[in-house]
Amino acid sequence: MPAKLYVGNLPYTAAEDDLQTYFAQAGTVVSVAVVKDRASGRSKGFGFVEMSTDAEAQQAIALLDGKEYQGRTLKISVARPREDDGRR
C-alpha cells in the first residue's frame, strides 16, 4: 500500500520531476505534488511524495530528512490525514 510523505521547506523553484528523481534514491515514487498558490501559481514551499510501500517511505525519511535540497533543509514526515475545517 502506498505511503504518503509530507515534504516541507521546499525551495519555491522545486519542480515535481526533480523531486521524483531525488526521492527515487529511497525507492519507487508513486506520485509527487508540489502545493501551489491558486492566485500566483507559485509553490507554497511544501508538497507530498507518495512512495510505493511503508518501508520505502521510512527509507526516504531516514535518507533525506534534514538534508539540503536546492539550498534548503528538507523536513520530511509521514503525512497526516487532511482535517476538515468546514470551508468547503
Protein backbone atom coordinates (compact mmCIF):
# COMPACT_ATOMS: atom_id res chain seq x y z
CA MET A 1 0.00 0.00 0.00
CA PRO A 2 1.44 3.42 -0.93
CA ALA A 3 2.61 5.71 1.87
CA LYS A 4 2.33 9.49 1.59
CA LEU A 5 5.04 11.78 2.92
CA TYR A 6 4.84 15.46 3.77
CA VAL A 7 7.84 17.37 2.42
CA GLY A 8 8.34 20.80 3.97
CA ASN A 9 10.77 23.67 3.44
CA LEU A 10 10.93 23.12 -0.30
CA PRO A 11 12.57 25.81 -2.40
CA TYR A 12 9.94 27.83 -4.26
CA THR A 13 11.54 26.74 -7.53
CA ALA A 14 11.22 22.99 -6.81
CA ALA A 15 9.76 21.03 -9.72
CA GLU A 16 7.81 17.81 -9.34
CA ASP A 17 10.08 15.97 -11.81
CA ASP A 18 13.17 16.95 -9.81
CA LEU A 19 11.57 15.78 -6.56
CA GLN A 20 10.62 12.46 -8.15
CA THR A 21 14.23 11.89 -9.18
CA TYR A 22 15.52 12.96 -5.75
CA PHE A 23 13.17 10.64 -3.82
CA ALA A 24 13.77 7.71 -6.19
CA GLN A 25 17.04 7.02 -4.35
CA ALA A 26 14.86 5.72 -1.48
CA GLY A 27 12.59 3.55 -3.63
CA THR A 28 9.69 3.66 -6.05
CA VAL A 29 7.92 7.02 -6.20
CA VAL A 30 4.21 6.67 -6.99
CA SER A 31 3.36 10.39 -7.19
CA VAL A 32 4.66 13.87 -6.39
CA ALA A 33 2.61 17.01 -5.76
CA VAL A 34 4.06 20.43 -5.02
CA VAL A 35 1.35 22.61 -3.43
CA LYS A 36 0.95 25.90 -5.27
CA ASP A 37 -0.82 29.17 -4.57
CA ARG A 38 -4.02 29.40 -6.62
CA ALA A 39 -3.61 33.06 -7.47
CA SER A 40 0.09 33.24 -8.33
CA GLY A 41 0.85 29.64 -9.26
CA ARG A 42 4.00 29.87 -7.10
CA SER A 43 4.98 26.99 -4.83
CA LYS A 44 3.92 27.38 -1.19
CA GLY A 45 7.13 25.67 -0.08
CA PHE A 46 5.73 22.24 0.68
CA GLY A 47 4.38 19.20 -1.07
CA PHE A 48 3.68 15.49 -0.88
CA VAL A 49 5.54 12.46 -2.18
CA GLU A 50 3.87 9.07 -2.29
CA MET A 51 6.19 6.06 -2.02
CA SER A 52 5.09 2.56 -3.07
CA THR A 53 5.49 0.97 0.41
CA ASP A 54 5.71 1.99 4.05
CA ALA A 55 9.26 0.61 4.14
CA GLU A 56 10.31 2.87 1.25
CA ALA A 57 8.63 5.83 2.93
CA GLN A 58 10.62 5.16 6.12
CA GLN A 59 13.77 4.79 3.99
CA ALA A 60 13.07 8.18 2.39
CA ILE A 61 12.67 9.78 5.82
CA ALA A 62 15.90 8.18 7.07
CA LEU A 63 17.88 9.18 3.96
CA LEU A 64 16.50 12.61 3.16
CA ASP A 65 15.01 14.31 6.25
CA GLY A 66 17.26 17.17 7.29
CA LYS A 67 19.28 17.02 4.07
CA GLU A 68 19.88 20.01 1.86
CA TYR A 69 17.90 20.19 -1.39
CA GLN A 70 18.49 23.15 -3.71
CA GLY A 71 19.78 25.24 -0.82
CA ARG A 72 17.00 24.39 1.68
CA THR A 73 16.94 21.84 4.51
CA LEU A 74 14.06 19.42 3.91
CA LYS A 75 11.59 18.46 6.63
CA ILE A 76 10.07 15.07 5.81
CA SER A 77 7.47 13.14 7.80
CA VAL A 78 4.58 10.78 7.27
CA ALA A 79 1.63 12.84 6.02
CA ARG A 80 -1.33 13.17 8.35
CA PRO A 81 -4.88 12.87 7.01
CA ARG A 82 -6.34 16.20 5.98
CA GLU A 83 -8.62 17.72 8.60
CA ASP A 84 -11.95 19.13 7.50
CA ASP A 85 -12.05 22.77 8.52
CA GLY A 86 -15.58 23.33 7.22
CA ARG A 87 -14.58 25.76 4.46
CA ARG A 88 -15.68 23.54 1.60
